Amino acid sequence: MPNNEFGHPDLYLELFLYFCAVKLKYGQMNTTTADSRIVMRIGQGSLSLAALDTSSRIIDYAAHNMKSGISTAANLREAFKSVSLLAMTYGRADVMLASPTMLIPHDEFHEEEAATLYDHTFSGYERSVKICSPMNDLNAVAVCSVDKDVQTVIGDHFQNTRLLPVCLPVWQHLHQQGYEQTRQRLYAYFHDSMMDVFCFSQHRFKFCNAFQTTQAQDALYFLLYAFSQLGLKGERDAISVIGGMPQKKWLIERLRTYVAEVSAPEAKDTGLPEMLRWPSVPYDMQVFINQSTR
């Protein structure tokens, strides 16, 4: 082969093979289609991002720590400048919100009253936009909130968006899993320094409440109090604790002194395909992505 103008006979071939390798590795993520999407989880001081291919499989994941002292909207603006996943173009963005969530029974829900009810239930969110997410399988509507500036930042970067509370996919998944269970089961989901405690009965919520806690002793008290108030029996019924709980081993051991069946399912127990079980992806995010593949 004659030398090229640079004096390297195989330079063009090497460059061609290099760019082919880069295209093979990253081409799928850089290709924009109407079905490509990103899942964003805006948590307490953290931002989790999962880029999905057209089959809703995770092709890349990133966790971004937000800076304290500046607003969530300002943190998002910085993330859009510095996080490579957010430099891609997506057909859709699903945004999971860790804001407080209120449940309203389907037959009592009136959208025009949802914001007023929310502001009476949670203080400090009067300037936020309220997001209503129906759960037909549970005969309820989940109402959460998003800061107006955060919604603006998201809208500036994505044309097609869906906003939902982080607990919604967890509620739906665990309710479906419990169809054939004979025991009454109290669930506790730990996330964002919160513990969401809930129980189902006859395709409805029997109980649902949230407690702010980072201490296992407080979590133990709240759980056993709810268990007792619901009339559940330690020898007959069960508790499942899920997520990033404080002092996990101690909490489970103490619960088992009062309740015969205490389980702590991990992501691998959710029925997720192997390709979706990325250890650092939050439980609720994994469940949501798995639901999207169906």
Protein backbone atom coordinates (compact mmCIF):
# COMPACT_ATOMS: atom_id res chain seq x y z
CA MET A 1 0.00 0.00 0.00
CA PRO A 2 1.50 3.38 -0.93
CA ASN A 3 2.16 5.92 1.77
CA ASN A 4 -0.55 8.52 2.29
CA GLU A 5 0.22 12.21 2.53
CA PHE A 6 0.96 11.83 6.27
CA GLY A 7 3.54 9.15 5.65
CA HIS A 8 1.58 6.36 7.41
CA PRO A 9 0.29 3.68 5.04
CA ASP A 10 -2.36 2.35 7.44
CA LEU A 11 -3.45 5.62 9.03
CA TYR A 12 -6.76 5.87 7.18
CA LEU A 13 -7.55 2.23 7.90
CA GLU A 14 -6.75 2.65 11.60
CA LEU A 15 -8.89 5.78 11.82
CA PHE A 16 -11.75 4.03 10.03
CA LEU A 17 -11.60 1.04 12.41
CA TYR A 18 -11.38 3.35 15.44
CA PHE A 19 -14.49 5.30 14.47
CA CYS A 20 -16.33 2.06 13.71
CA ALA A 21 -15.53 0.84 17.23
CA VAL A 22 -16.71 4.11 18.76
CA LYS A 23 -19.92 3.95 16.73
CA LEU A 24 -20.52 0.36 17.79
CA LYS A 25 -20.03 1.22 21.46
CA TYR A 26 -21.84 4.53 21.67
CA GLY A 27 -23.93 4.73 18.54
CA GLN A 28 -27.02 3.24 20.16
CA MET A 29 -27.03 5.86 22.88
CA ASN A 30 -26.41 8.75 20.49
CA THR A 31 -29.21 7.70 18.15
CA THR A 32 -32.38 9.67 18.78
CA THR A 33 -35.72 8.02 18.07
CA ALA A 34 -39.25 8.70 19.20
CA ASP A 35 -38.94 5.74 21.59
CA SER A 36 -35.63 6.60 23.26
CA ARG A 37 -36.02 8.04 26.73
CA ILE A 38 -34.37 8.98 29.99
CA VAL A 39 -35.61 8.33 33.51
CA MET A 40 -34.69 11.06 36.02
CA ARG A 41 -35.12 10.60 39.75
CA ILE A 42 -34.99 13.84 41.72
CA GLY A 43 -34.35 12.74 45.29
CA GLN A 44 -33.23 14.40 48.49
CA GLY A 45 -29.88 15.90 47.55
CA SER A 46 -29.34 13.52 44.64
CA LEU A 47 -30.18 13.09 40.99
CA SER A 48 -30.29 9.62 39.40
CA LEU A 49 -30.33 9.22 35.63
CA ALA A 50 -30.92 6.15 33.47
CA ALA A 51 -30.73 6.27 29.68
CA LEU A 52 -32.90 3.62 28.05
CA ASP A 53 -32.83 2.11 24.59
CA THR A 54 -35.96 1.53 22.51
CA SER A 55 -36.62 -1.72 24.44
CA SER A 56 -36.50 0.14 27.79
CA ARG A 57 -33.19 -1.48 28.72
CA ILE A 58 -30.67 0.57 30.68
CA ILE A 59 -27.71 1.43 28.47
CA ASP A 60 -26.12 3.91 30.84
CA TYR A 61 -26.65 5.16 34.38
CA ALA A 62 -25.31 8.10 36.36
CA ALA A 63 -25.79 9.46 39.88
CA HIS A 64 -25.22 13.16 40.48
CA ASN A 65 -24.90 14.69 43.94
CA MET A 66 -26.66 18.02 44.28
CA LYS A 67 -24.95 20.92 46.01
CA SER A 68 -26.38 22.12 49.29
CA GLY A 69 -27.11 25.81 49.61
CA ILE A 70 -28.60 26.25 46.14
CA SER A 71 -32.04 25.34 44.85
CA THR A 72 -32.98 22.11 43.12
CA ALA A 73 -33.64 24.07 39.93
CA ALA A 74 -30.14 25.61 40.05
CA ASN A 75 -28.67 22.14 40.64
CA LEU A 76 -30.55 20.82 37.62
CA ARG A 77 -29.25 23.64 35.42
CA GLU A 78 -25.70 22.75 36.45
CA ALA A 79 -26.35 19.05 35.82
CA PHE A 80 -27.53 19.76 32.28
CA LYS A 81 -24.19 21.47 31.66
CA SER A 82 -21.92 18.87 33.28
CA VAL A 83 -23.55 15.42 33.12
CA SER A 84 -22.91 13.67 29.80
CA LEU A 85 -26.15 11.67 29.90
CA LEU A 86 -28.12 14.92 29.87
CA ALA A 87 -26.29 16.08 26.75
CA MET A 88 -28.06 13.37 24.71
CA THR A 89 -31.38 13.87 22.94
CA TYR A 90 -34.35 11.78 24.04
CA GLY A 91 -37.84 11.28 22.74
CA ARG A 92 -39.27 11.27 26.28
CA ALA A 93 -38.31 11.97 29.88
CA ASP A 94 -39.90 10.24 32.87
CA VAL A 95 -39.27 12.29 36.02
CA MET A 96 -39.66 10.64 39.43
CA LEU A 97 -40.22 13.05 42.33
CA ALA A 98 -39.44 12.44 46.00
CA SER A 99 -41.78 15.20 47.20
CA PRO A 100 -44.51 14.38 49.77
CA THR A 101 -47.37 12.38 48.26
CA MET A 102 -51.06 12.42 49.15
CA LEU A 103 -53.56 9.68 48.24
CA ILE A 104 -57.17 10.39 47.31
CA PRO A 105 -59.77 7.62 46.71
CA HIS A 106 -60.91 7.51 43.08
CA ASP A 107 -64.55 8.14 43.94
CA GLU A 108 -63.63 11.22 45.99
CA PHE A 109 -61.13 12.72 43.55
CA HIS A 110 -61.86 16.07 41.90
CA GLU A 111 -58.87 17.46 40.04
CA GLU A 112 -59.85 21.09 40.63
CA GLU A 113 -59.70 20.47 44.41
CA ALA A 114 -56.44 18.47 44.49
CA ALA A 115 -54.10 21.45 44.89
CA THR A 116 -56.12 22.90 47.78
CA LEU A 117 -56.23 19.55 49.58
CA TYR A 118 -52.49 19.11 49.08
CA ASP A 119 -51.66 22.56 50.47
CA HIS A 120 -53.83 21.87 53.54
CA THR A 121 -52.05 18.55 54.06
CA PHE A 122 -48.44 19.68 53.48
CA SER A 123 -47.18 23.16 54.34
CA GLY A 124 -44.57 25.00 52.29
CA TYR A 125 -45.66 23.78 48.84
CA GLU A 126 -48.15 26.52 47.95
CA ARG A 127 -46.06 27.73 44.98
CA SER A 128 -45.49 24.27 43.59
CA VAL A 129 -47.29 22.57 40.71
CA LYS A 130 -49.40 19.57 41.75
CA ILE A 131 -49.05 16.33 39.78
CA CYS A 132 -51.96 13.85 39.80
CA SER A 133 -51.21 10.19 38.96
CA PRO A 134 -54.19 7.78 38.79
CA MET A 135 -53.70 4.21 40.08
CA ASN A 136 -56.69 2.33 38.69
CA ASP A 137 -55.55 -0.99 40.16
CA LEU A 138 -55.62 0.54 43.65
CA ASN A 139 -58.69 2.76 43.18
CA ALA A 140 -56.71 5.85 44.16
CA VAL A 141 -55.00 8.95 42.79
CA ALA A 142 -51.52 9.92 44.00
CA VAL A 143 -50.86 13.65 44.23
CA CYS A 144 -47.31 14.98 44.56
CA SER A 145 -45.69 18.33 43.78
CA VAL A 146 -42.87 19.82 41.74
CA ASP A 147 -41.29 23.23 42.18
CA LYS A 148 -42.31 25.59 39.38
CA ASP A 149 -38.69 26.44 38.55
CA VAL A 150 -37.78 22.73 38.41
CA GLN A 151 -40.69 22.12 36.04
CA THR A 152 -39.47 24.99 33.86
CA VAL A 153 -35.93 23.60 33.67
CA ILE A 154 -37.27 20.17 32.71
CA GLY A 155 -39.62 21.69 30.12
CA ASP A 156 -36.76 23.69 28.60
CA HIS A 157 -34.88 20.46 27.80
CA PHE A 158 -37.59 17.87 27.10
CA GLN A 159 -40.72 18.24 25.00
CA ASN A 160 -42.40 15.02 26.11
CA THR A 161 -42.37 14.44 29.87
CA ARG A 162 -44.19 12.43 32.50
CA LEU A 163 -43.90 13.31 36.20
CA LEU A 164 -44.78 10.88 38.98
CA PRO A 165 -44.04 10.23 42.69
CA VAL A 166 -41.18 7.82 43.45
CA CYS A 167 -43.44 5.54 45.51
CA LEU A 168 -46.06 5.00 42.79
CA PRO A 169 -44.29 2.11 41.00
CA VAL A 170 -43.38 0.54 44.37
CA TRP A 171 -47.02 0.59 45.51
CA GLN A 172 -48.21 -0.93 42.25
CA HIS A 173 -45.50 -3.59 42.18
CA LEU A 174 -45.94 -4.75 45.77
CA HIS A 175 -49.73 -4.72 45.48
CA GLN A 176 -49.49 -6.97 42.42
CA GLN A 177 -47.00 -9.27 44.17
CA GLY A 178 -49.36 -9.64 47.13
CA TYR A 179 -52.38 -10.86 45.14
CA GLU A 180 -52.01 -14.49 46.22
CA GLN A 181 -50.71 -13.93 49.76
CA THR A 182 -52.86 -15.25 52.57
CA ARG A 183 -51.20 -13.12 55.27
CA GLN A 184 -51.90 -9.46 55.85
CA ARG A 185 -48.62 -7.68 55.18
CA LEU A 186 -47.37 -4.28 56.31
CA TYR A 187 -44.74 -2.74 54.00
CA ALA A 188 -42.06 -0.19 54.83
CA TYR A 189 -40.15 1.46 51.98
CA PHE A 190 -37.05 3.46 52.99
CA HIS A 191 -35.87 6.26 50.67
CA ASP A 192 -34.65 9.85 50.86
CA SER A 193 -34.54 9.83 54.70
CA MET A 194 -38.20 8.79 54.69
CA MET A 195 -40.06 5.61 55.58
CA ASP A 196 -43.32 5.04 53.71
CA VAL A 197 -45.53 2.54 55.55
CA PHE A 198 -48.51 0.99 53.78
CA CYS A 199 -50.86 -1.99 53.68
CA PHE A 200 -53.38 -3.25 51.12
CA SER A 201 -56.79 -4.84 51.43
CA GLN A 202 -59.24 -5.79 48.67
CA HIS A 203 -57.43 -3.81 45.94
CA ARG A 204 -57.29 -0.66 48.03
CA PHE A 205 -54.94 0.99 50.48
CA LYS A 206 -55.86 -0.07 53.98
CA PHE A 207 -53.20 2.23 55.42
CA CYS A 208 -50.57 4.62 54.03
CA ASN A 209 -48.39 7.10 55.88
CA ALA A 210 -44.88 8.51 55.71
CA PHE A 211 -42.39 9.17 58.49
CA GLN A 212 -39.18 11.13 58.29
CA THR A 213 -36.49 9.02 59.93
CA THR A 214 -32.86 8.05 59.64
CA GLN A 215 -32.78 6.11 62.92
CA ALA A 216 -33.59 2.39 63.19
CA GLN A 217 -35.06 2.88 66.67
CA ASP A 218 -37.60 5.40 65.35
CA ALA A 219 -38.40 3.17 62.39
CA LEU A 220 -39.02 0.23 64.76
CA TYR A 221 -41.42 2.29 66.89
CA PHE A 222 -43.38 3.65 63.88
CA LEU A 223 -43.66 0.20 62.29
CA LEU A 224 -44.82 -1.62 65.41
CA TYR A 225 -47.27 1.17 66.24
CA ALA A 226 -48.85 0.97 62.77
CA PHE A 227 -48.86 -2.84 62.94
CA SER A 228 -50.75 -2.71 66.21
CA GLN A 229 -53.20 0.01 65.16
CA LEU A 230 -54.17 -2.02 62.09
CA GLY A 231 -55.06 -4.98 64.29
CA LEU A 232 -52.37 -7.18 62.73
CA LYS A 233 -51.07 -10.15 64.75
CA GLY A 234 -47.41 -11.09 65.10
CA GLU A 235 -48.05 -14.83 64.87
CA ARG A 236 -50.32 -14.53 61.83
CA ASP A 237 -49.32 -11.51 59.72
CA ALA A 238 -46.07 -10.17 58.24
CA ILE A 239 -43.82 -7.15 57.67
CA SER A 240 -41.65 -6.44 54.62
CA VAL A 241 -38.93 -3.78 54.76
CA ILE A 242 -37.46 -2.52 51.49
CA GLY A 243 -34.89 0.02 50.36
CA GLY A 244 -31.95 1.69 52.07
CA MET A 245 -33.00 1.25 55.68
CA PRO A 246 -30.85 2.40 58.63
CA GLN A 247 -29.11 -0.36 60.63
CA LYS A 248 -30.82 -3.01 58.52
CA LYS A 249 -29.63 -6.07 60.45
CA TRP A 250 -30.58 -4.61 63.85
CA LEU A 251 -34.00 -3.48 62.63
CA ILE A 252 -34.90 -6.87 61.16
CA GLU A 253 -33.72 -8.73 64.26
CA ARG A 254 -35.78 -6.50 66.56
CA LEU A 255 -38.87 -6.78 64.36
CA ARG A 256 -38.60 -10.58 64.47
CA THR A 257 -38.93 -10.55 68.24
CA TYR A 258 -42.51 -9.28 67.73
CA VAL A 259 -43.49 -10.54 64.27
CA ALA A 260 -42.93 -14.11 63.08
CA GLU A 261 -42.45 -13.30 59.38
CA VAL A 262 -40.20 -10.35 58.53
CA SER A 263 -38.69 -10.15 55.04
CA ALA A 264 -36.29 -7.71 53.39
CA PRO A 265 -36.55 -8.26 49.62
CA GLU A 266 -33.72 -6.92 47.49
CA ALA A 267 -33.81 -5.73 43.88
CA LYS A 268 -33.02 -9.28 42.75
CA ASP A 269 -36.27 -10.41 44.38
CA THR A 270 -38.45 -8.01 42.36
CA GLY A 271 -38.52 -10.21 39.26
CA LEU A 272 -36.38 -7.74 37.32
CA PRO A 273 -34.53 -9.06 34.28
CA GLU A 274 -30.80 -9.51 34.89
CA MET A 275 -29.93 -6.60 32.62
CA LEU A 276 -31.89 -4.17 34.81
CA ARG A 277 -30.37 -5.07 38.16
CA TRP A 278 -27.76 -2.33 38.43
CA PRO A 279 -26.81 -2.24 42.13
CA SER A 280 -26.67 1.55 42.37
CA VAL A 281 -30.06 2.20 40.77
CA PRO A 282 -32.67 3.04 43.45
CA TYR A 283 -35.27 0.32 44.05
CA ASP A 284 -38.22 2.46 42.93
CA MET A 285 -36.40 3.41 39.73
CA GLN A 286 -35.63 -0.22 38.89
CA VAL A 287 -39.25 -1.23 39.47
CA PHE A 288 -40.51 1.65 37.30
CA ILE A 289 -38.18 0.73 34.43
CA ASN A 290 -39.20 -2.90 34.69
CA GLN A 291 -42.88 -1.94 34.50
CA SER A 292 -42.11 0.08 31.35
CA THR A 293 -40.86 -3.02 29.51
CA ARG A 294 -44.21 -4.78 29.73
